[in-house]
Amino acid sequence: MTKDVRAARDAFEERIFSRQKEIEDEALRRLPKSPKAAREFLTKYCVGLMEEVPPMFIKLRESLMTKYTNNRE
């Protein structure tokens, strides 16, 4: 089961890390014009990521329950 959990987590983290420079560059672009806009951009980005986690893990939980409780041998 650990492999399945790690696979879900790793895919999510890979997507985040692959965009890290893009997100940081955008925040830095906004910073000189408006520190508030840069802060709001980063906050919105982070909140968006946090909102993805519960549905992702609910889906994972359902997948694990199906995979590991229905395949008893």
PDB file of N, CA and C in Angstrom:
ATOM      1  N   MET A   1       0.823  -1.182   0.000  1.00  0.00           N
ATOM      2  CA  MET A   1       0.000   0.000   0.000  1.00  0.00           C
ATOM      3  C   MET A   1       0.879   1.262   0.000  1.00  0.00           C
ATOM      4  N   THR A   2       1.997   1.177   0.659  1.00  0.00           N
ATOM      5  CA  THR A   2       2.905   2.322   0.734  1.00  0.00           C
ATOM      6  C   THR A   2       3.310   2.802  -0.650  1.00  0.00           C
ATOM      7  N   LYS A   3       3.527   1.877  -1.557  1.00  0.00           N
ATOM      8  CA  LYS A   3       3.906   2.248  -2.924  1.00  0.00           C
ATOM      9  C   LYS A   3       2.820   3.082  -3.589  1.00  0.00           C
ATOM     10  N   ASP A   4       1.575   2.728  -3.355  1.00  0.00           N
ATOM     11  CA  ASP A   4       0.459   3.471  -3.947  1.00  0.00           C
ATOM     12  C   ASP A   4       0.364   4.884  -3.368  1.00  0.00           C
ATOM     13  N   VAL A   5       0.558   4.996  -2.069  1.00  0.00           N
ATOM     14  CA  VAL A   5       0.516   6.308  -1.416  1.00  0.00           C
ATOM     15  C   VAL A   5       1.662   7.167  -1.926  1.00  0.00           C
ATOM     16  N   ARG A   6       2.840   6.601  -1.976  1.00  0.00           N
ATOM     17  CA  ARG A   6       3.997   7.364  -2.463  1.00  0.00           C
ATOM     18  C   ARG A   6       3.830   7.780  -3.916  1.00  0.00           C
ATOM     19  N   ALA A   7       3.242   6.927  -4.731  1.00  0.00           N
ATOM     20  CA  ALA A   7       3.036   7.266  -6.139  1.00  0.00           C
ATOM     21  C   ALA A   7       2.114   8.472  -6.273  1.00  0.00           C
ATOM     22  N   ALA A   8       1.044   8.500  -5.487  1.00  0.00           N
ATOM     23  CA  ALA A   8       0.124   9.644  -5.526  1.00  0.00           C
ATOM     24  C   ALA A   8       0.826  10.905  -5.032  1.00  0.00           C
ATOM     25  N   ARG A   9       1.531  10.791  -3.934  1.00  0.00           N
ATOM     26  CA  ARG A   9       2.255  11.938  -3.368  1.00  0.00           C
ATOM     27  C   ARG A   9       3.340  12.424  -4.314  1.00  0.00           C
ATOM     28  N   ASP A  10       4.106  11.496  -4.865  1.00  0.00           N
ATOM     29  CA  ASP A  10       5.221  11.874  -5.729  1.00  0.00           C
ATOM     30  C   ASP A  10       4.747  12.594  -6.986  1.00  0.00           C
ATOM     31  N   ALA A  11       3.649  12.156  -7.562  1.00  0.00           N
ATOM     32  CA  ALA A  11       3.119  12.825  -8.754  1.00  0.00           C
ATOM     33  C   ALA A  11       2.712  14.255  -8.427  1.00  0.00           C
ATOM     34  N   PHE A  12       2.072  14.445  -7.290  1.00  0.00           N
ATOM     35  CA  PHE A  12       1.658  15.783  -6.849  1.00  0.00           C
ATOM     36  C   PHE A  12       2.884  16.663  -6.617  1.00  0.00           C
ATOM     37  N   GLU A  13       3.865  16.141  -5.905  1.00  0.00           N
ATOM     38  CA  GLU A  13       5.072  16.912  -5.631  1.00  0.00           C
ATOM     39  C   GLU A  13       5.841  17.238  -6.911  1.00  0.00           C
ATOM     40  N   GLU A  14       5.914  16.306  -7.814  1.00  0.00           N
ATOM     41  CA  GLU A  14       6.623  16.542  -9.075  1.00  0.00           C
ATOM     42  C   GLU A  14       5.978  17.694  -9.839  1.00  0.00           C
ATOM     43  N   ARG A  15       4.666  17.717  -9.867  1.00  0.00           N
ATOM     44  CA  ARG A  15       3.962  18.808 -10.552  1.00  0.00           C
ATOM     45  C   ARG A  15       4.271  20.142  -9.888  1.00  0.00           C
ATOM     46  N   ILE A  16       4.287  20.166  -8.567  1.00  0.00           N
ATOM     47  CA  ILE A  16       4.588  21.397  -7.836  1.00  0.00           C
ATOM     48  C   ILE A  16       6.029  21.835  -8.113  1.00  0.00           C
ATOM     49  N   PHE A  17       6.969  20.926  -7.941  1.00  0.00           N
ATOM     50  CA  PHE A  17       8.378  21.278  -8.107  1.00  0.00           C
ATOM     51  C   PHE A  17       8.714  21.661  -9.543  1.00  0.00           C
ATOM     52  N   SER A  18       8.031  21.064 -10.507  1.00  0.00           N
ATOM     53  CA  SER A  18       8.321  21.386 -11.906  1.00  0.00           C
ATOM     54  C   SER A  18       7.907  22.819 -12.247  1.00  0.00           C
ATOM     55  N   ARG A  19       6.979  23.392 -11.480  1.00  0.00           N
ATOM     56  CA  ARG A  19       6.526  24.769 -11.716  1.00  0.00           C
ATOM     57  C   ARG A  19       7.152  25.770 -10.744  1.00  0.00           C
ATOM     58  N   GLN A  20       8.012  25.319  -9.858  1.00  0.00           N
ATOM     59  CA  GLN A  20       8.525  26.178  -8.798  1.00  0.00           C
ATOM     60  C   GLN A  20       9.184  27.445  -9.339  1.00  0.00           C
ATOM     61  N   LYS A  21      10.076  27.301 -10.300  1.00  0.00           N
ATOM     62  CA  LYS A  21      10.765  28.467 -10.848  1.00  0.00           C
ATOM     63  C   LYS A  21       9.770  29.418 -11.504  1.00  0.00           C
ATOM     64  N   GLU A  22       8.841  28.888 -12.248  1.00  0.00           N
ATOM     65  CA  GLU A  22       7.818  29.712 -12.904  1.00  0.00           C
ATOM     66  C   GLU A  22       7.032  30.525 -11.871  1.00  0.00           C
ATOM     67  N   ILE A  23       6.631  29.888 -10.793  1.00  0.00           N
ATOM     68  CA  ILE A  23       5.856  30.564  -9.744  1.00  0.00           C
ATOM     69  C   ILE A  23       6.703  31.630  -9.059  1.00  0.00           C
ATOM     70  N   GLU A  24       7.936  31.276  -8.720  1.00  0.00           N
ATOM     71  CA  GLU A  24       8.829  32.246  -8.073  1.00  0.00           C
ATOM     72  C   GLU A  24       9.114  33.433  -8.984  1.00  0.00           C
ATOM     73  N   ASP A  25       9.350  33.160 -10.265  1.00  0.00           N
ATOM     74  CA  ASP A  25       9.614  34.250 -11.208  1.00  0.00           C
ATOM     75  C   ASP A  25       8.421  35.195 -11.321  1.00  0.00           C
ATOM     76  N   GLU A  26       7.236  34.617 -11.345  1.00  0.00           N
ATOM     77  CA  GLU A  26       6.031  35.452 -11.432  1.00  0.00           C
ATOM     78  C   GLU A  26       5.869  36.308 -10.183  1.00  0.00           C
ATOM     79  N   ALA A  27       6.117  35.746  -9.032  1.00  0.00           N
ATOM     80  CA  ALA A  27       6.035  36.521  -7.785  1.00  0.00           C
ATOM     81  C   ALA A  27       7.081  37.635  -7.779  1.00  0.00           C
ATOM     82  N   LEU A  28       8.284  37.325  -8.226  1.00  0.00           N
ATOM     83  CA  LEU A  28       9.338  38.343  -8.274  1.00  0.00           C
ATOM     84  C   LEU A  28       9.026  39.433  -9.297  1.00  0.00           C
ATOM     85  N   ARG A  29       8.363  39.068 -10.377  1.00  0.00           N
ATOM     86  CA  ARG A  29       7.963  40.051 -11.375  1.00  0.00           C
ATOM     87  C   ARG A  29       6.964  41.044 -10.785  1.00  0.00           C
ATOM     88  N   ARG A  30       6.070  40.548  -9.949  1.00  0.00           N
ATOM     89  CA  ARG A  30       5.037  41.394  -9.343  1.00  0.00           C
ATOM     90  C   ARG A  30       5.560  42.215  -8.163  1.00  0.00           C
ATOM     91  N   LEU A  31       6.586  41.723  -7.521  1.00  0.00           N
ATOM     92  CA  LEU A  31       7.062  42.324  -6.279  1.00  0.00           C
ATOM     93  C   LEU A  31       7.422  43.816  -6.376  1.00  0.00           C
ATOM     94  N   PRO A  32       8.218  44.238  -7.360  1.00  0.00           N
ATOM     95  CA  PRO A  32       8.579  45.656  -7.404  1.00  0.00           C
ATOM     96  C   PRO A  32       7.375  46.587  -7.604  1.00  0.00           C
ATOM     97  N   LYS A  33       6.415  46.128  -8.383  1.00  0.00           N
ATOM     98  CA  LYS A  33       5.227  46.937  -8.660  1.00  0.00           C
ATOM     99  C   LYS A  33       4.298  46.977  -7.450  1.00  0.00           C
ATOM    100  N   SER A  34       4.154  45.810  -6.818  1.00  0.00           N
ATOM    101  CA  SER A  34       3.213  45.724  -5.698  1.00  0.00           C
ATOM    102  C   SER A  34       3.537  44.508  -4.831  1.00  0.00           C
ATOM    103  N   PRO A  35       4.199  44.728  -3.700  1.00  0.00           N
ATOM    104  CA  PRO A  35       4.448  43.606  -2.791  1.00  0.00           C
ATOM    105  C   PRO A  35       3.147  42.900  -2.394  1.00  0.00           C
ATOM    106  N   LYS A  36       2.081  43.667  -2.269  1.00  0.00           N
ATOM    107  CA  LYS A  36       0.793  43.068  -1.916  1.00  0.00           C
ATOM    108  C   LYS A  36       0.332  42.111  -3.022  1.00  0.00           C
ATOM    109  N   ALA A  37       0.484  42.505  -4.280  1.00  0.00           N
ATOM    110  CA  ALA A  37       0.088  41.638  -5.400  1.00  0.00           C
ATOM    111  C   ALA A  37       0.925  40.364  -5.431  1.00  0.00           C
ATOM    112  N   ALA A  38       2.214  40.493  -5.148  1.00  0.00           N
ATOM    113  CA  ALA A  38       3.086  39.316  -5.121  1.00  0.00           C
ATOM    114  C   ALA A  38       2.651  38.371  -4.005  1.00  0.00           C
ATOM    115  N   ARG A  39       2.371  38.935  -2.845  1.00  0.00           N
ATOM    116  CA  ARG A  39       1.933  38.141  -1.695  1.00  0.00           C
ATOM    117  C   ARG A  39       0.594  37.454  -1.991  1.00  0.00           C
ATOM    118  N   GLU A  40      -0.335  38.188  -2.588  1.00  0.00           N
ATOM    119  CA  GLU A  40      -1.638  37.608  -2.925  1.00  0.00           C
ATOM    120  C   GLU A  40      -1.508  36.499  -3.964  1.00  0.00           C
ATOM    121  N   PHE A  41      -0.622  36.698  -4.929  1.00  0.00           N
ATOM    122  CA  PHE A  41      -0.377  35.673  -5.944  1.00  0.00           C
ATOM    123  C   PHE A  41       0.113  34.383  -5.292  1.00  0.00           C
ATOM    124  N   LEU A  42       1.111  34.500  -4.413  1.00  0.00           N
ATOM    125  CA  LEU A  42       1.656  33.315  -3.747  1.00  0.00           C
ATOM    126  C   LEU A  42       0.632  32.672  -2.812  1.00  0.00           C
ATOM    127  N   THR A  43      -0.132  33.500  -2.128  1.00  0.00           N
ATOM    128  CA  THR A  43      -1.168  32.964  -1.232  1.00  0.00           C
ATOM    129  C   THR A  43      -2.206  32.194  -2.030  1.00  0.00           C
ATOM    130  N   LYS A  44      -2.663  32.777  -3.130  1.00  0.00           N
ATOM    131  CA  LYS A  44      -3.662  32.104  -3.966  1.00  0.00           C
ATOM    132  C   LYS A  44      -3.109  30.784  -4.510  1.00  0.00           C
ATOM    133  N   TYR A  45      -1.865  30.795  -4.924  1.00  0.00           N
ATOM    134  CA  TYR A  45      -1.237  29.581  -5.438  1.00  0.00           C
ATOM    135  C   TYR A  45      -1.188  28.497  -4.357  1.00  0.00           C
ATOM    136  N   CYS A  46      -0.732  28.865  -3.173  1.00  0.00           N
ATOM    137  CA  CYS A  46      -0.608  27.901  -2.073  1.00  0.00           C
ATOM    138  C   CYS A  46      -1.967  27.374  -1.622  1.00  0.00           C
ATOM    139  N   VAL A  47      -2.938  28.254  -1.522  1.00  0.00           N
ATOM    140  CA  VAL A  47      -4.281  27.829  -1.128  1.00  0.00           C
ATOM    141  C   VAL A  47      -4.849  26.877  -2.180  1.00  0.00           C
ATOM    142  N   GLY A  48      -4.609  27.179  -3.444  1.00  0.00           N
ATOM    143  CA  GLY A  48      -5.067  26.293  -4.515  1.00  0.00           C
ATOM    144  C   GLY A  48      -4.474  24.899  -4.388  1.00  0.00           C
ATOM    145  N   LEU A  49      -3.190  24.837  -4.063  1.00  0.00           N
ATOM    146  CA  LEU A  49      -2.557  23.524  -3.868  1.00  0.00           C
ATOM    147  C   LEU A  49      -3.165  22.797  -2.678  1.00  0.00           C
ATOM    148  N   MET A  50      -3.366  23.536  -1.584  1.00  0.00           N
ATOM    149  CA  MET A  50      -3.939  22.909  -0.383  1.00  0.00           C
ATOM    150  C   MET A  50      -5.349  22.384  -0.651  1.00  0.00           C
ATOM    151  N   GLU A  51      -6.098  23.072  -1.500  1.00  0.00           N
ATOM    152  CA  GLU A  51      -7.457  22.629  -1.806  1.00  0.00           C
ATOM    153  C   GLU A  51      -7.471  21.374  -2.663  1.00  0.00           C
ATOM    154  N   GLU A  52      -6.389  21.105  -3.362  1.00  0.00           N
ATOM    155  CA  GLU A  52      -6.293  19.891  -4.178  1.00  0.00           C
ATOM    156  C   GLU A  52      -6.056  18.640  -3.344  1.00  0.00           C
ATOM    157  N   VAL A  53      -5.452  18.799  -2.178  1.00  0.00           N
ATOM    158  CA  VAL A  53      -5.012  17.647  -1.392  1.00  0.00           C
ATOM    159  C   VAL A  53      -6.167  16.785  -0.868  1.00  0.00           C
ATOM    160  N   PRO A  54      -7.178  17.359  -0.198  1.00  0.00           N
ATOM    161  CA  PRO A  54      -8.236  16.476   0.314  1.00  0.00           C
ATOM    162  C   PRO A  54      -8.919  15.628  -0.769  1.00  0.00           C
ATOM    163  N   PRO A  55      -9.335  16.218  -1.900  1.00  0.00           N
ATOM    164  CA  PRO A  55      -9.945  15.345  -2.918  1.00  0.00           C
ATOM    165  C   PRO A  55      -8.982  14.288  -3.455  1.00  0.00           C
ATOM    166  N   MET A  56      -7.697  14.665  -3.561  1.00  0.00           N
ATOM    167  CA  MET A  56      -6.703  13.708  -4.050  1.00  0.00           C
ATOM    168  C   MET A  56      -6.601  12.513  -3.102  1.00  0.00           C
ATOM    169  N   PHE A  57      -6.584  12.786  -1.805  1.00  0.00           N
ATOM    170  CA  PHE A  57      -6.447  11.689  -0.854  1.00  0.00           C
ATOM    171  C   PHE A  57      -7.759  10.928  -0.639  1.00  0.00           C
ATOM    172  N   ILE A  58      -8.875  11.568  -0.838  1.00  0.00           N
ATOM    173  CA  ILE A  58     -10.150  10.836  -0.806  1.00  0.00           C
ATOM    174  C   ILE A  58     -10.183   9.841  -1.957  1.00  0.00           C
ATOM    175  N   LYS A  59      -9.781  10.292  -3.122  1.00  0.00           N
ATOM    176  CA  LYS A  59      -9.720   9.400  -4.283  1.00  0.00           C
ATOM    177  C   LYS A  59      -8.726   8.266  -4.026  1.00  0.00           C
ATOM    178  N   LEU A  60      -7.584   8.600  -3.447  1.00  0.00           N
ATOM    179  CA  LEU A  60      -6.588   7.578  -3.122  1.00  0.00           C
ATOM    180  C   LEU A  60      -7.149   6.585  -2.114  1.00  0.00           C
ATOM    181  N   ARG A  61      -7.814   7.091  -1.081  1.00  0.00           N
ATOM    182  CA  ARG A  61      -8.408   6.204  -0.065  1.00  0.00           C
ATOM    183  C   ARG A  61      -9.378   5.227  -0.713  1.00  0.00           C
ATOM    184  N   GLU A  62     -10.235   5.736  -1.602  1.00  0.00           N
ATOM    185  CA  GLU A  62     -11.200   4.856  -2.269  1.00  0.00           C
ATOM    186  C   GLU A  62     -10.488   3.816  -3.123  1.00  0.00           C
ATOM    187  N   SER A  63      -9.453   4.242  -3.791  1.00  0.00           N
ATOM    188  CA  SER A  63      -8.680   3.330  -4.623  1.00  0.00           C
ATOM    189  C   SER A  63      -8.015   2.237  -3.780  1.00  0.00           C
ATOM    190  N   LEU A  64      -7.447   2.649  -2.648  1.00  0.00           N
ATOM    191  CA  LEU A  64      -6.784   1.679  -1.773  1.00  0.00           C
ATOM    192  C   LEU A  64      -7.785   0.701  -1.172  1.00  0.00           C
ATOM    193  N   MET A  65      -8.917   1.215  -0.763  1.00  0.00           N
ATOM    194  CA  MET A  65      -9.936   0.331  -0.182  1.00  0.00           C
ATOM    195  C   MET A  65     -10.392  -0.704  -1.195  1.00  0.00           C
ATOM    196  N   THR A  66     -10.611  -0.251  -2.416  1.00  0.00           N
ATOM    197  CA  THR A  66     -11.041  -1.173  -3.461  1.00  0.00           C
ATOM    198  C   THR A  66      -9.945  -2.195  -3.770  1.00  0.00           C
ATOM    199  N   LYS A  67      -8.743  -1.684  -3.910  1.00  0.00           N
ATOM    200  CA  LYS A  67      -7.634  -2.568  -4.300  1.00  0.00           C
ATOM    201  C   LYS A  67      -7.293  -3.576  -3.212  1.00  0.00           C
ATOM    202  N   TYR A  68      -7.286  -3.145  -1.973  1.00  0.00           N
ATOM    203  CA  TYR A  68      -6.784  -4.027  -0.913  1.00  0.00           C
ATOM    204  C   TYR A  68      -7.860  -4.756  -0.115  1.00  0.00           C
ATOM    205  N   THR A  69      -9.110  -4.358  -0.201  1.00  0.00           N
ATOM    206  CA  THR A  69     -10.143  -5.107   0.524  1.00  0.00           C
ATOM    207  C   THR A  69     -10.907  -6.053  -0.397  1.00  0.00           C
ATOM    208  N   ASN A  70     -10.907  -5.758  -1.678  1.00  0.00           N
ATOM    209  CA  ASN A  70     -11.655  -6.612  -2.602  1.00  0.00           C
ATOM    210  C   ASN A  70     -10.781  -7.692  -3.236  1.00  0.00           C
ATOM    211  N   ASN A  71      -9.516  -7.667  -2.954  1.00  0.00           N
ATOM    212  CA  ASN A  71      -8.604  -8.632  -3.561  1.00  0.00           C
ATOM    213  C   ASN A  71      -7.966  -9.534  -2.523  1.00  0.00           C
ATOM    214  N   ARG A  72      -8.756  -9.964  -1.577  1.00  0.00           N
ATOM    215  CA  ARG A  72      -8.225 -10.876  -0.554  1.00  0.00           C
ATOM    216  C   ARG A  72      -8.002 -12.257  -1.157  1.00  0.00           C
ATOM    217  N   GLU A  73      -6.872 -12.783  -0.831  1.00  0.00           N
ATOM    218  CA  GLU A  73      -6.572 -14.132  -1.329  1.00  0.00           C
ATOM    219  C   GLU A  73      -6.209 -15.034  -0.187  1.00  0.00           C
TER     220      GLU A  73
END
